[in-house]
Amino acid sequence: MSDKSGRGIKKDGAGFNVQRLAVFQLREINLLVILLALIIGLSFASPYFAKWANIKVVLSSLSIDGIVVIGMTIILISGGIDLSVGSMMCLCMTIIAKFFLKGMNPWLAALAATAICAAIGALMGFLVTYVRLSHFIVSLCFMGIARGIVHTLTTGTPVSLVKVLTDAPKFRYLGQGQIGGLLPMTVLLFLVIMAAAELVVRKSLLMRLVFYTGSNEKAAAYSGINVKRVKVLTCVACSVFSALAGVIYVNKFSGVPVTAGTGMEMTAIASAVIGGVSMNGGKGSILGAVLGLALMALVQDALTLFNVPAFWQDLIRYIIVLTAVVLDAVRQNAAARRTA
């Protein structure tokens, strides 16, 4: 059967409502239409929007943010939330920089930093599942802890890697390379990661368990699913994706600005919700979340092109976040009434 939004719903053997993930769902199609209309409108409204230099800037920014959005999407589907993604990304960058400056191989430094972030994600998952703290409180605390570690390691000053990255051209290519002199390497990396993540979300057994857990945690536990393990793994996954974004970021900008990632959690949450990910868990797709991010990126680019003051840009961004959350709540309430 299907619900009134056009999304296919079916019952599996355990009696769960399972979202049937078609290649394009109604939400994604609507977003594609809105994005296309916005692109056409901005092309006529600003002579600079359609220039390749501007498009590259938008795509590069979207690529780094998009990797974080993938991690946020997975943890939201499980019924959790992670406010530490921006701080975790910056922490990964800082660890890479410190290891790199001490003479460690850059690839090994990136792997070690990612592993440390994964361990922190596992610790957050442990506190949520075994100590029974809320995702919100745990991730809020680790947002401050990670940022505090960054400021401690850097003494609050940016770290430059310009000189050392010249000795590691292959590693630097991750963030500064160009495919054919036109397409940034960061964009290609993001597309590969997004395609792989989308395939895993739609096809893997593990992600089906994540959907079950987010839809009804108690029912999932009663059916034999190790809910605690699933929630810990989603916390680890979210931290790892944040770390991967940090690896690309530190290459792209040849250093560590200590404010990197500030406010990224709001962008990630808003993008996911705009793309159809439920704040209550159990519903969403990587494609939808990335399309939501693309909409946010285009709005941000339009505000910049039209010289809207920075404080107005922040106001508009947070209004978009609030609107997305409100619309998600309205949609959830409507769905609850239909099934009542």
C-alpha atoms as a PDB file:
ATOM      1  CA  MET A   1       0.000   0.000   0.000  1.00  0.00           C
ATOM      2  CA  SER A   2       1.081   3.646  -0.088  1.00  0.00           C
ATOM      3  CA  ASP A   3       0.562   6.705   2.059  1.00  0.00           C
ATOM      4  CA  LYS A   4      -0.987   9.972   0.816  1.00  0.00           C
ATOM      5  CA  SER A   5       2.409  11.562   0.208  1.00  0.00           C
ATOM      6  CA  GLY A   6       3.092   9.084  -2.556  1.00  0.00           C
ATOM      7  CA  ARG A   7       5.721   7.133  -0.661  1.00  0.00           C
ATOM      8  CA  GLY A   8       5.429   3.393  -0.879  1.00  0.00           C
ATOM      9  CA  ILE A   9       4.881   1.654   2.458  1.00  0.00           C
ATOM     10  CA  LYS A  10       4.911  -2.073   2.998  1.00  0.00           C
ATOM     11  CA  LYS A  11       4.907  -4.452   5.911  1.00  0.00           C
ATOM     12  CA  ASP A  12       7.860  -6.747   6.398  1.00  0.00           C
ATOM     13  CA  GLY A  13       7.811 -10.122   8.126  1.00  0.00           C
ATOM     14  CA  ALA A  14       8.260  -8.587  11.558  1.00  0.00           C
ATOM     15  CA  GLY A  15       5.301  -6.275  11.089  1.00  0.00           C
ATOM     16  CA  PHE A  16       7.273  -3.048  10.695  1.00  0.00           C
ATOM     17  CA  ASN A  17       6.236  -0.298   8.333  1.00  0.00           C
ATOM     18  CA  VAL A  18       9.080  -0.123   5.821  1.00  0.00           C
ATOM     19  CA  GLN A  19       9.569   2.793   3.488  1.00  0.00           C
ATOM     20  CA  ARG A  20       9.990   1.497  -0.077  1.00  0.00           C
ATOM     21  CA  LEU A  21      12.916   3.462  -1.466  1.00  0.00           C
ATOM     22  CA  ALA A  22      12.364   4.163  -5.143  1.00  0.00           C
ATOM     23  CA  VAL A  23      15.118   5.931  -7.054  1.00  0.00           C
ATOM     24  CA  PHE A  24      13.173   9.200  -6.901  1.00  0.00           C
ATOM     25  CA  GLN A  25      10.415   9.753  -4.366  1.00  0.00           C
ATOM     26  CA  LEU A  26       7.869  12.554  -4.389  1.00  0.00           C
ATOM     27  CA  ARG A  27       9.925  14.627  -1.960  1.00  0.00           C
ATOM     28  CA  GLU A  28      13.063  14.381  -4.111  1.00  0.00           C
ATOM     29  CA  ILE A  29      11.149  15.199  -7.303  1.00  0.00           C
ATOM     30  CA  ASN A  30       9.633  18.293  -5.694  1.00  0.00           C
ATOM     31  CA  LEU A  31      13.065  19.435  -4.544  1.00  0.00           C
ATOM     32  CA  LEU A  32      14.520  18.888  -8.008  1.00  0.00           C
ATOM     33  CA  VAL A  33      11.775  21.048  -9.524  1.00  0.00           C
ATOM     34  CA  ILE A  34      12.365  23.789  -6.926  1.00  0.00           C
ATOM     35  CA  LEU A  35      16.129  23.659  -7.493  1.00  0.00           C
ATOM     36  CA  LEU A  36      15.704  23.870 -11.260  1.00  0.00           C
ATOM     37  CA  ALA A  37      13.357  26.856 -10.934  1.00  0.00           C
ATOM     38  CA  LEU A  38      15.758  28.568  -8.532  1.00  0.00           C
ATOM     39  CA  ILE A  39      18.735  27.975 -10.849  1.00  0.00           C
ATOM     40  CA  ILE A  40      16.849  29.420 -13.835  1.00  0.00           C
ATOM     41  CA  GLY A  41      15.660  32.408 -11.801  1.00  0.00           C
ATOM     42  CA  LEU A  42      19.123  33.201 -10.425  1.00  0.00           C
ATOM     43  CA  SER A  43      20.657  32.872 -13.900  1.00  0.00           C
ATOM     44  CA  PHE A  44      18.429  35.699 -15.084  1.00  0.00           C
ATOM     45  CA  ALA A  45      18.627  37.742 -11.874  1.00  0.00           C
ATOM     46  CA  SER A  46      22.434  37.811 -11.587  1.00  0.00           C
ATOM     47  CA  PRO A  47      25.003  37.868 -14.419  1.00  0.00           C
ATOM     48  CA  TYR A  48      27.538  36.212 -12.094  1.00  0.00           C
ATOM     49  CA  PHE A  49      25.528  33.207 -10.960  1.00  0.00           C
ATOM     50  CA  ALA A  50      25.976  31.074 -14.098  1.00  0.00           C
ATOM     51  CA  LYS A  51      29.714  31.757 -14.362  1.00  0.00           C
ATOM     52  CA  TRP A  52      31.778  28.607 -13.845  1.00  0.00           C
ATOM     53  CA  ALA A  53      33.897  30.306 -11.174  1.00  0.00           C
ATOM     54  CA  ASN A  54      30.800  30.848  -9.019  1.00  0.00           C
ATOM     55  CA  ILE A  55      29.435  27.377  -9.727  1.00  0.00           C
ATOM     56  CA  LYS A  56      32.756  25.809  -8.669  1.00  0.00           C
ATOM     57  CA  VAL A  57      32.683  27.714  -5.393  1.00  0.00           C
ATOM     58  CA  VAL A  58      29.138  26.504  -4.669  1.00  0.00           C
ATOM     59  CA  LEU A  59      29.957  22.900  -5.587  1.00  0.00           C
ATOM     60  CA  SER A  60      33.156  22.868  -3.514  1.00  0.00           C
ATOM     61  CA  SER A  61      31.369  24.219  -0.458  1.00  0.00           C
ATOM     62  CA  LEU A  62      28.483  21.826  -0.947  1.00  0.00           C
ATOM     63  CA  SER A  63      30.892  18.881  -1.229  1.00  0.00           C
ATOM     64  CA  ILE A  64      32.424  19.333   2.219  1.00  0.00           C
ATOM     65  CA  ASP A  65      29.112  20.132   3.906  1.00  0.00           C
ATOM     66  CA  GLY A  66      27.473  17.270   2.022  1.00  0.00           C
ATOM     67  CA  ILE A  67      29.732  14.643   3.591  1.00  0.00           C
ATOM     68  CA  VAL A  68      28.689  15.892   7.033  1.00  0.00           C
ATOM     69  CA  VAL A  69      25.033  15.845   5.947  1.00  0.00           C
ATOM     70  CA  ILE A  70      25.354  12.157   5.016  1.00  0.00           C
ATOM     71  CA  GLY A  71      26.459  11.313   8.549  1.00  0.00           C
ATOM     72  CA  MET A  72      23.712  13.454  10.065  1.00  0.00           C
ATOM     73  CA  THR A  73      21.120  11.746   7.872  1.00  0.00           C
ATOM     74  CA  ILE A  74      22.121   8.300   9.091  1.00  0.00           C
ATOM     75  CA  ILE A  75      21.930   9.226  12.762  1.00  0.00           C
ATOM     76  CA  LEU A  76      18.615  11.064  12.287  1.00  0.00           C
ATOM     77  CA  ILE A  77      17.131   7.978  10.611  1.00  0.00           C
ATOM     78  CA  SER A  78      18.089   5.987  13.711  1.00  0.00           C
ATOM     79  CA  GLY A  79      16.123   8.416  15.873  1.00  0.00           C
ATOM     80  CA  GLY A  80      19.170  10.275  17.217  1.00  0.00           C
ATOM     81  CA  ILE A  81      20.879  13.592  16.567  1.00  0.00           C
ATOM     82  CA  ASP A  82      24.469  14.848  16.655  1.00  0.00           C
ATOM     83  CA  LEU A  83      25.227  18.498  17.398  1.00  0.00           C
ATOM     84  CA  SER A  84      28.981  17.913  17.465  1.00  0.00           C
ATOM     85  CA  VAL A  85      29.540  17.338  13.729  1.00  0.00           C
ATOM     86  CA  GLY A  86      31.149  20.717  13.051  1.00  0.00           C
ATOM     87  CA  SER A  87      33.398  20.535  16.108  1.00  0.00           C
ATOM     88  CA  MET A  88      34.305  16.927  15.280  1.00  0.00           C
ATOM     89  CA  MET A  89      35.325  17.959  11.784  1.00  0.00           C
ATOM     90  CA  CYS A  90      37.534  20.728  13.173  1.00  0.00           C
ATOM     91  CA  LEU A  91      39.025  18.344  15.753  1.00  0.00           C
ATOM     92  CA  CYS A  92      39.950  15.882  13.006  1.00  0.00           C
ATOM     93  CA  MET A  93      41.625  18.687  11.064  1.00  0.00           C
ATOM     94  CA  THR A  94      43.580  19.757  14.128  1.00  0.00           C
ATOM     95  CA  ILE A  95      44.792  16.233  14.886  1.00  0.00           C
ATOM     96  CA  ILE A  96      45.885  15.766  11.266  1.00  0.00           C
ATOM     97  CA  ALA A  97      47.778  19.066  11.368  1.00  0.00           C
ATOM     98  CA  LYS A  98      49.559  18.227  14.623  1.00  0.00           C
ATOM     99  CA  PHE A  99      50.568  14.746  13.438  1.00  0.00           C
ATOM    100  CA  PHE A 100      51.610  16.096  10.060  1.00  0.00           C
ATOM    101  CA  LEU A 101      53.767  18.845  11.583  1.00  0.00           C
ATOM    102  CA  LYS A 102      55.495  16.223  13.732  1.00  0.00           C
ATOM    103  CA  GLY A 103      56.609  14.391  10.591  1.00  0.00           C
ATOM    104  CA  MET A 104      53.951  11.685  10.342  1.00  0.00           C
ATOM    105  CA  ASN A 105      52.943  10.468   6.901  1.00  0.00           C
ATOM    106  CA  PRO A 106      49.865  12.546   5.897  1.00  0.00           C
ATOM    107  CA  TRP A 107      47.809   9.497   4.911  1.00  0.00           C
ATOM    108  CA  LEU A 108      48.592   7.839   8.230  1.00  0.00           C
ATOM    109  CA  ALA A 109      47.832  11.090  10.057  1.00  0.00           C
ATOM    110  CA  ALA A 110      44.431  11.271   8.359  1.00  0.00           C
ATOM    111  CA  LEU A 111      43.700   7.629   9.199  1.00  0.00           C
ATOM    112  CA  ALA A 112      44.722   8.129  12.844  1.00  0.00           C
ATOM    113  CA  ALA A 113      42.599  11.278  13.176  1.00  0.00           C
ATOM    114  CA  THR A 114      39.596   9.523  11.651  1.00  0.00           C
ATOM    115  CA  ALA A 115      40.062   6.591  14.041  1.00  0.00           C
ATOM    116  CA  ILE A 116      40.159   8.954  17.018  1.00  0.00           C
ATOM    117  CA  CYS A 117      36.941  10.625  15.874  1.00  0.00           C
ATOM    118  CA  ALA A 118      35.351   7.181  15.422  1.00  0.00           C
ATOM    119  CA  ALA A 119      36.347   6.301  19.001  1.00  0.00           C
ATOM    120  CA  ILE A 120      34.750   9.523  20.242  1.00  0.00           C
ATOM    121  CA  GLY A 121      31.602   8.618  18.307  1.00  0.00           C
ATOM    122  CA  ALA A 122      31.614   5.201  19.977  1.00  0.00           C
ATOM    123  CA  LEU A 123      31.924   6.881  23.375  1.00  0.00           C
ATOM    124  CA  MET A 124      28.948   9.103  22.597  1.00  0.00           C
ATOM    125  CA  GLY A 125      26.987   6.034  21.505  1.00  0.00           C
ATOM    126  CA  PHE A 126      27.925   4.268  24.755  1.00  0.00           C
ATOM    127  CA  LEU A 127      26.691   7.197  26.848  1.00  0.00           C
ATOM    128  CA  VAL A 128      23.436   7.289  24.896  1.00  0.00           C
ATOM    129  CA  THR A 129      22.713   3.567  24.947  1.00  0.00           C
ATOM    130  CA  TYR A 130      24.197   2.212  28.171  1.00  0.00           C
ATOM    131  CA  VAL A 131      24.152   5.281  30.447  1.00  0.00           C
ATOM    132  CA  ARG A 132      20.808   6.251  28.865  1.00  0.00           C
ATOM    133  CA  LEU A 133      21.600   9.921  28.285  1.00  0.00           C
ATOM    134  CA  SER A 134      19.882  11.780  25.464  1.00  0.00           C
ATOM    135  CA  HIS A 135      21.534  12.249  22.095  1.00  0.00           C
ATOM    136  CA  PHE A 136      20.958  15.975  22.372  1.00  0.00           C
ATOM    137  CA  ILE A 137      22.754  16.399  25.708  1.00  0.00           C
ATOM    138  CA  VAL A 138      25.637  14.064  24.890  1.00  0.00           C
ATOM    139  CA  SER A 139      26.337  15.603  21.487  1.00  0.00           C
ATOM    140  CA  LEU A 140      25.945  19.131  22.887  1.00  0.00           C
ATOM    141  CA  CYS A 141      28.583  18.368  25.519  1.00  0.00           C
ATOM    142  CA  PHE A 142      30.940  16.815  22.990  1.00  0.00           C
ATOM    143  CA  MET A 143      30.439  19.790  20.699  1.00  0.00           C
ATOM    144  CA  GLY A 144      31.978  21.923  23.438  1.00  0.00           C
ATOM    145  CA  ILE A 145      34.576  19.324  24.425  1.00  0.00           C
ATOM    146  CA  ALA A 146      35.847  18.874  20.867  1.00  0.00           C
ATOM    147  CA  ARG A 147      35.990  22.619  20.284  1.00  0.00           C
ATOM    148  CA  GLY A 148      37.791  23.040  23.591  1.00  0.00           C
ATOM    149  CA  ILE A 149      40.398  20.449  22.589  1.00  0.00           C
ATOM    150  CA  VAL A 150      40.892  22.299  19.298  1.00  0.00           C
ATOM    151  CA  HIS A 151      41.528  25.585  21.104  1.00  0.00           C
ATOM    152  CA  THR A 152      43.861  23.851  23.567  1.00  0.00           C
ATOM    153  CA  LEU A 153      45.943  22.200  20.846  1.00  0.00           C
ATOM    154  CA  THR A 154      46.111  25.333  18.692  1.00  0.00           C
ATOM    155  CA  THR A 155      46.125  27.954  21.514  1.00  0.00           C
ATOM    156  CA  GLY A 156      43.292  29.554  19.588  1.00  0.00           C
ATOM    157  CA  THR A 157      45.389  30.467  16.544  1.00  0.00           C
ATOM    158  CA  PRO A 158      45.026  29.086  12.995  1.00  0.00           C
ATOM    159  CA  VAL A 159      47.450  26.361  11.931  1.00  0.00           C
ATOM    160  CA  SER A 160      49.093  26.740   8.516  1.00  0.00           C
ATOM    161  CA  LEU A 161      50.052  23.675   6.468  1.00  0.00           C
ATOM    162  CA  VAL A 162      51.006  25.466   3.258  1.00  0.00           C
ATOM    163  CA  LYS A 163      54.691  24.539   3.462  1.00  0.00           C
ATOM    164  CA  VAL A 164      54.293  20.930   4.548  1.00  0.00           C
ATOM    165  CA  LEU A 165      51.566  20.193   2.004  1.00  0.00           C
ATOM    166  CA  THR A 166      53.938  21.161  -0.798  1.00  0.00           C
ATOM    167  CA  ASP A 167      55.916  18.047   0.138  1.00  0.00           C
ATOM    168  CA  ALA A 168      52.795  15.859  -0.111  1.00  0.00           C
ATOM    169  CA  PRO A 169      51.307  16.650  -3.540  1.00  0.00           C
ATOM    170  CA  LYS A 170      49.219  13.468  -3.751  1.00  0.00           C
ATOM    171  CA  PHE A 171      47.597  14.147  -0.388  1.00  0.00           C
ATOM    172  CA  ARG A 172      47.072  17.813  -1.257  1.00  0.00           C
ATOM    173  CA  TYR A 173      45.367  16.751  -4.489  1.00  0.00           C
ATOM    174  CA  LEU A 174      42.384  15.530  -2.424  1.00  0.00           C
ATOM    175  CA  GLY A 175      41.411  19.094  -1.608  1.00  0.00           C
ATOM    176  CA  GLN A 176      43.051  21.194  -4.304  1.00  0.00           C
ATOM    177  CA  GLY A 177      43.151  18.960  -7.369  1.00  0.00           C
ATOM    178  CA  GLN A 178      41.184  19.623 -10.542  1.00  0.00           C
ATOM    179  CA  ILE A 179      39.773  16.974 -12.880  1.00  0.00           C
ATOM    180  CA  GLY A 180      40.531  18.108 -16.415  1.00  0.00           C
ATOM    181  CA  GLY A 181      41.343  21.532 -15.049  1.00  0.00           C
ATOM    182  CA  LEU A 182      37.625  22.184 -14.485  1.00  0.00           C
ATOM    183  CA  LEU A 183      35.979  19.931 -11.901  1.00  0.00           C
ATOM    184  CA  PRO A 184      37.353  20.176  -8.334  1.00  0.00           C
ATOM    185  CA  MET A 185      38.539  16.867  -6.907  1.00  0.00           C
ATOM    186  CA  THR A 186      36.460  17.571  -3.806  1.00  0.00           C
ATOM    187  CA  VAL A 187      33.301  17.391  -5.906  1.00  0.00           C
ATOM    188  CA  LEU A 188      34.266  14.032  -7.408  1.00  0.00           C
ATOM    189  CA  LEU A 189      35.099  12.621  -3.967  1.00  0.00           C
ATOM    190  CA  PHE A 190      31.764  13.804  -2.621  1.00  0.00           C
ATOM    191  CA  LEU A 191      29.829  12.277  -5.515  1.00  0.00           C
ATOM    192  CA  VAL A 192      31.561   8.926  -4.981  1.00  0.00           C
ATOM    193  CA  ILE A 193      30.912   9.000  -1.212  1.00  0.00           C
ATOM    194  CA  MET A 194      27.296  10.088  -1.737  1.00  0.00           C
ATOM    195  CA  ALA A 195      26.618   7.345  -4.309  1.00  0.00           C
ATOM    196  CA  ALA A 196      28.143   4.688  -2.054  1.00  0.00           C
ATOM    197  CA  ALA A 197      26.212   5.946   0.998  1.00  0.00           C
ATOM    198  CA  GLU A 198      22.947   6.080  -0.956  1.00  0.00           C
ATOM    199  CA  LEU A 199      23.447   2.525  -2.157  1.00  0.00           C
ATOM    200  CA  VAL A 200      24.154   1.321   1.381  1.00  0.00           C
ATOM    201  CA  VAL A 201      21.124   3.150   2.798  1.00  0.00           C
ATOM    202  CA  ARG A 202      18.804   1.687   0.171  1.00  0.00           C
ATOM    203  CA  LYS A 203      20.163  -1.856  -0.085  1.00  0.00           C
ATOM    204  CA  SER A 204      22.045  -2.948   3.039  1.00  0.00           C
ATOM    205  CA  LEU A 205      20.608  -5.073   5.829  1.00  0.00           C
ATOM    206  CA  LEU A 206      22.347  -2.919   8.441  1.00  0.00           C
ATOM    207  CA  MET A 207      20.557   0.226   7.285  1.00  0.00           C
ATOM    208  CA  ARG A 208      17.248  -1.648   7.347  1.00  0.00           C
ATOM    209  CA  LEU A 209      17.951  -2.298  11.029  1.00  0.00           C
ATOM    210  CA  VAL A 210      18.650   1.435  11.428  1.00  0.00           C
ATOM    211  CA  PHE A 211      15.292   2.259   9.827  1.00  0.00           C
ATOM    212  CA  TYR A 212      13.550  -0.262  12.111  1.00  0.00           C
ATOM    213  CA  THR A 213      15.242   1.220  15.180  1.00  0.00           C
ATOM    214  CA  GLY A 214      14.276   4.753  14.235  1.00  0.00           C
ATOM    215  CA  SER A 215      10.682   3.784  13.399  1.00  0.00           C
ATOM    216  CA  ASN A 216       9.962   1.994  16.670  1.00  0.00           C
ATOM    217  CA  GLU A 217      12.861   1.297  19.009  1.00  0.00           C
ATOM    218  CA  LYS A 218      10.887  -0.877  21.438  1.00  0.00           C
ATOM    219  CA  ALA A 219       9.358  -3.000  18.710  1.00  0.00           C
ATOM    220  CA  ALA A 220      12.788  -3.395  17.114  1.00  0.00           C
ATOM    221  CA  ALA A 221      14.246  -4.599  20.417  1.00  0.00           C
ATOM    222  CA  TYR A 222      11.368  -7.019  20.962  1.00  0.00           C
ATOM    223  CA  SER A 223      11.921  -8.463  17.483  1.00  0.00           C
ATOM    224  CA  GLY A 224      15.509  -9.364  18.360  1.00  0.00           C
ATOM    225  CA  ILE A 225      17.412  -6.387  16.909  1.00  0.00           C
ATOM    226  CA  ASN A 226      20.388  -5.288  19.002  1.00  0.00           C
ATOM    227  CA  VAL A 227      19.182  -1.701  19.244  1.00  0.00           C
ATOM    228  CA  LYS A 228      22.121  -0.558  21.372  1.00  0.00           C
ATOM    229  CA  ARG A 229      24.641  -1.799  18.838  1.00  0.00           C
ATOM    230  CA  VAL A 230      22.755  -0.132  15.987  1.00  0.00           C
ATOM    231  CA  LYS A 231      22.659   3.212  17.784  1.00  0.00           C
ATOM    232  CA  VAL A 232      26.356   3.049  18.678  1.00  0.00           C
ATOM    233  CA  LEU A 233      27.239   2.271  15.062  1.00  0.00           C
ATOM    234  CA  THR A 234      25.221   5.232  13.797  1.00  0.00           C
ATOM    235  CA  CYS A 235      27.051   7.513  16.236  1.00  0.00           C
ATOM    236  CA  VAL A 236      30.369   6.149  14.964  1.00  0.00           C
ATOM    237  CA  ALA A 237      29.267   6.587  11.343  1.00  0.00           C
ATOM    238  CA  CYS A 238      28.272  10.204  11.919  1.00  0.00           C
ATOM    239  CA  SER A 239      31.640  10.994  13.517  1.00  0.00           C
ATOM    240  CA  VAL A 240      33.526   9.234  10.721  1.00  0.00           C
ATOM    241  CA  PHE A 241      31.747  11.228   8.027  1.00  0.00           C
ATOM    242  CA  SER A 242      32.541  14.427   9.930  1.00  0.00           C
ATOM    243  CA  ALA A 243      36.183  13.327  10.055  1.00  0.00           C
ATOM    244  CA  LEU A 244      36.217  12.609   6.307  1.00  0.00           C
ATOM    245  CA  ALA A 245      34.936  16.122   5.689  1.00  0.00           C
ATOM    246  CA  GLY A 246      37.765  17.385   7.887  1.00  0.00           C
ATOM    247  CA  VAL A 247      40.368  15.489   5.845  1.00  0.00           C
ATOM    248  CA  ILE A 248      39.181  17.211   2.660  1.00  0.00           C
ATOM    249  CA  TYR A 249      38.781  20.603   4.372  1.00  0.00           C
ATOM    250  CA  VAL A 250      42.332  20.652   5.757  1.00  0.00           C
ATOM    251  CA  ASN A 251      43.645  19.919   2.259  1.00  0.00           C
ATOM    252  CA  LYS A 252      41.464  22.446   0.518  1.00  0.00           C
ATOM    253  CA  PHE A 253      42.443  25.348   2.779  1.00  0.00           C
ATOM    254  CA  SER A 254      45.984  24.172   3.616  1.00  0.00           C
ATOM    255  CA  GLY A 255      45.466  24.615   7.317  1.00  0.00           C
ATOM    256  CA  VAL A 256      43.115  24.694  10.260  1.00  0.00           C
ATOM    257  CA  PRO A 257      40.986  27.780  10.955  1.00  0.00           C
ATOM    258  CA  VAL A 258      39.893  27.180  14.543  1.00  0.00           C
ATOM    259  CA  THR A 259      36.359  28.354  13.745  1.00  0.00           C
ATOM    260  CA  ALA A 260      35.911  25.737  11.005  1.00  0.00           C
ATOM    261  CA  GLY A 261      32.607  23.891  11.262  1.00  0.00           C
ATOM    262  CA  THR A 262      30.894  26.492  13.441  1.00  0.00           C
ATOM    263  CA  GLY A 263      27.147  26.276  12.839  1.00  0.00           C
ATOM    264  CA  MET A 264      27.516  23.249  10.561  1.00  0.00           C
ATOM    265  CA  GLU A 265      25.195  21.179  12.751  1.00  0.00           C
ATOM    266  CA  MET A 266      22.290  23.504  11.940  1.00  0.00           C
ATOM    267  CA  THR A 267      23.021  23.362   8.219  1.00  0.00           C
ATOM    268  CA  ALA A 268      23.193  19.561   8.321  1.00  0.00           C
ATOM    269  CA  ILE A 269      19.970  19.169  10.295  1.00  0.00           C
ATOM    270  CA  ALA A 270      18.053  21.658   8.141  1.00  0.00           C
ATOM    271  CA  SER A 271      19.284  20.069   4.915  1.00  0.00           C
ATOM    272  CA  ALA A 272      18.267  16.596   6.072  1.00  0.00           C
ATOM    273  CA  VAL A 273      14.819  17.697   7.218  1.00  0.00           C
ATOM    274  CA  ILE A 274      14.194  19.703   4.045  1.00  0.00           C
ATOM    275  CA  GLY A 275      15.141  16.562   2.137  1.00  0.00           C
ATOM    276  CA  GLY A 276      12.519  14.461   3.902  1.00  0.00           C
ATOM    277  CA  VAL A 277      14.448  12.970   6.828  1.00  0.00           C
ATOM    278  CA  SER A 278      12.186  12.697   9.852  1.00  0.00           C
ATOM    279  CA  MET A 279      13.310  14.233  13.139  1.00  0.00           C
ATOM    280  CA  ASN A 280      11.485  11.337  14.806  1.00  0.00           C
ATOM    281  CA  GLY A 281      13.557   8.751  12.947  1.00  0.00           C
ATOM    282  CA  GLY A 282      12.722   5.904  10.600  1.00  0.00           C
ATOM    283  CA  LYS A 283      12.438   7.877   7.363  1.00  0.00           C
ATOM    284  CA  GLY A 284      14.793   9.572   4.931  1.00  0.00           C
ATOM    285  CA  SER A 285      17.317   9.183   2.141  1.00  0.00           C
ATOM    286  CA  ILE A 286      20.798  10.441   1.355  1.00  0.00           C
ATOM    287  CA  LEU A 287      19.648  11.849  -1.995  1.00  0.00           C
ATOM    288  CA  GLY A 288      16.872  13.866  -0.382  1.00  0.00           C
ATOM    289  CA  ALA A 289      19.194  15.278   2.276  1.00  0.00           C
ATOM    290  CA  VAL A 290      21.786  16.289  -0.339  1.00  0.00           C
ATOM    291  CA  LEU A 291      19.083  17.981  -2.415  1.00  0.00           C
ATOM    292  CA  GLY A 292      18.035  19.836   0.727  1.00  0.00           C
ATOM    293  CA  LEU A 293      21.637  20.957   1.170  1.00  0.00           C
ATOM    294  CA  ALA A 294      21.785  22.061  -2.473  1.00  0.00           C
ATOM    295  CA  LEU A 295      18.734  24.251  -1.865  1.00  0.00           C
ATOM    296  CA  MET A 296      20.399  25.772   1.203  1.00  0.00           C
ATOM    297  CA  ALA A 297      23.613  26.343  -0.771  1.00  0.00           C
ATOM    298  CA  LEU A 298      21.792  28.088  -3.607  1.00  0.00           C
ATOM    299  CA  VAL A 299      19.946  30.350  -1.168  1.00  0.00           C
ATOM    300  CA  GLN A 300      23.259  31.197   0.530  1.00  0.00           C
ATOM    301  CA  ASP A 301      24.897  31.914  -2.826  1.00  0.00           C
ATOM    302  CA  ALA A 302      21.995  34.148  -3.884  1.00  0.00           C
ATOM    303  CA  LEU A 303      22.250  36.146  -0.651  1.00  0.00           C
ATOM    304  CA  THR A 304      25.986  36.608  -1.238  1.00  0.00           C
ATOM    305  CA  LEU A 305      25.570  37.614  -4.887  1.00  0.00           C
ATOM    306  CA  PHE A 306      22.973  40.208  -3.942  1.00  0.00           C
ATOM    307  CA  ASN A 307      25.217  41.602  -1.167  1.00  0.00           C
ATOM    308  CA  VAL A 308      22.814  40.796   1.651  1.00  0.00           C
ATOM    309  CA  PRO A 309      24.530  41.720   4.971  1.00  0.00           C
ATOM    310  CA  ALA A 310      25.984  38.803   6.941  1.00  0.00           C
ATOM    311  CA  PHE A 311      23.626  39.254   9.897  1.00  0.00           C
ATOM    312  CA  TRP A 312      20.643  39.043   7.564  1.00  0.00           C
ATOM    313  CA  GLN A 313      22.080  35.883   6.046  1.00  0.00           C
ATOM    314  CA  ASP A 314      22.271  34.238   9.484  1.00  0.00           C
ATOM    315  CA  LEU A 315      18.710  35.338  10.229  1.00  0.00           C
ATOM    316  CA  ILE A 316      17.410  33.876   6.975  1.00  0.00           C
ATOM    317  CA  ARG A 317      19.346  30.608   7.456  1.00  0.00           C
ATOM    318  CA  TYR A 318      17.890  30.030  10.910  1.00  0.00           C
ATOM    319  CA  ILE A 319      14.397  30.910   9.715  1.00  0.00           C
ATOM    320  CA  ILE A 320      14.840  28.205   7.077  1.00  0.00           C
ATOM    321  CA  VAL A 321      15.932  25.770   9.804  1.00  0.00           C
ATOM    322  CA  LEU A 322      12.882  26.604  11.947  1.00  0.00           C
ATOM    323  CA  THR A 323      10.547  26.343   8.960  1.00  0.00           C
ATOM    324  CA  ALA A 324      11.960  22.934   8.031  1.00  0.00           C
ATOM    325  CA  VAL A 325      11.484  21.601  11.574  1.00  0.00           C
ATOM    326  CA  VAL A 326       7.944  23.006  11.807  1.00  0.00           C
ATOM    327  CA  LEU A 327       6.956  21.479   8.465  1.00  0.00           C
ATOM    328  CA  ASP A 328       8.408  18.144   9.567  1.00  0.00           C
ATOM    329  CA  ALA A 329       6.347  18.279  12.775  1.00  0.00           C
ATOM    330  CA  VAL A 330       3.204  19.139  10.811  1.00  0.00           C
ATOM    331  CA  ARG A 331       3.845  16.249   8.427  1.00  0.00           C
ATOM    332  CA  GLN A 332       4.424  13.816  11.309  1.00  0.00           C
ATOM    333  CA  ASN A 333       1.252  14.933  13.086  1.00  0.00           C
ATOM    334  CA  ALA A 334      -0.770  14.566   9.886  1.00  0.00           C
ATOM    335  CA  ALA A 335       0.621  11.061   9.349  1.00  0.00           C
ATOM    336  CA  ALA A 336      -0.229  10.148  12.951  1.00  0.00           C
ATOM    337  CA  ARG A 337      -3.819  11.312  12.480  1.00  0.00           C
ATOM    338  CA  ARG A 338      -4.187   9.293   9.286  1.00  0.00           C
ATOM    339  CA  THR A 339      -3.040   6.090  11.003  1.00  0.00           C
ATOM    340  CA  ALA A 340      -5.012   6.712  14.199  1.00  0.00           C
END
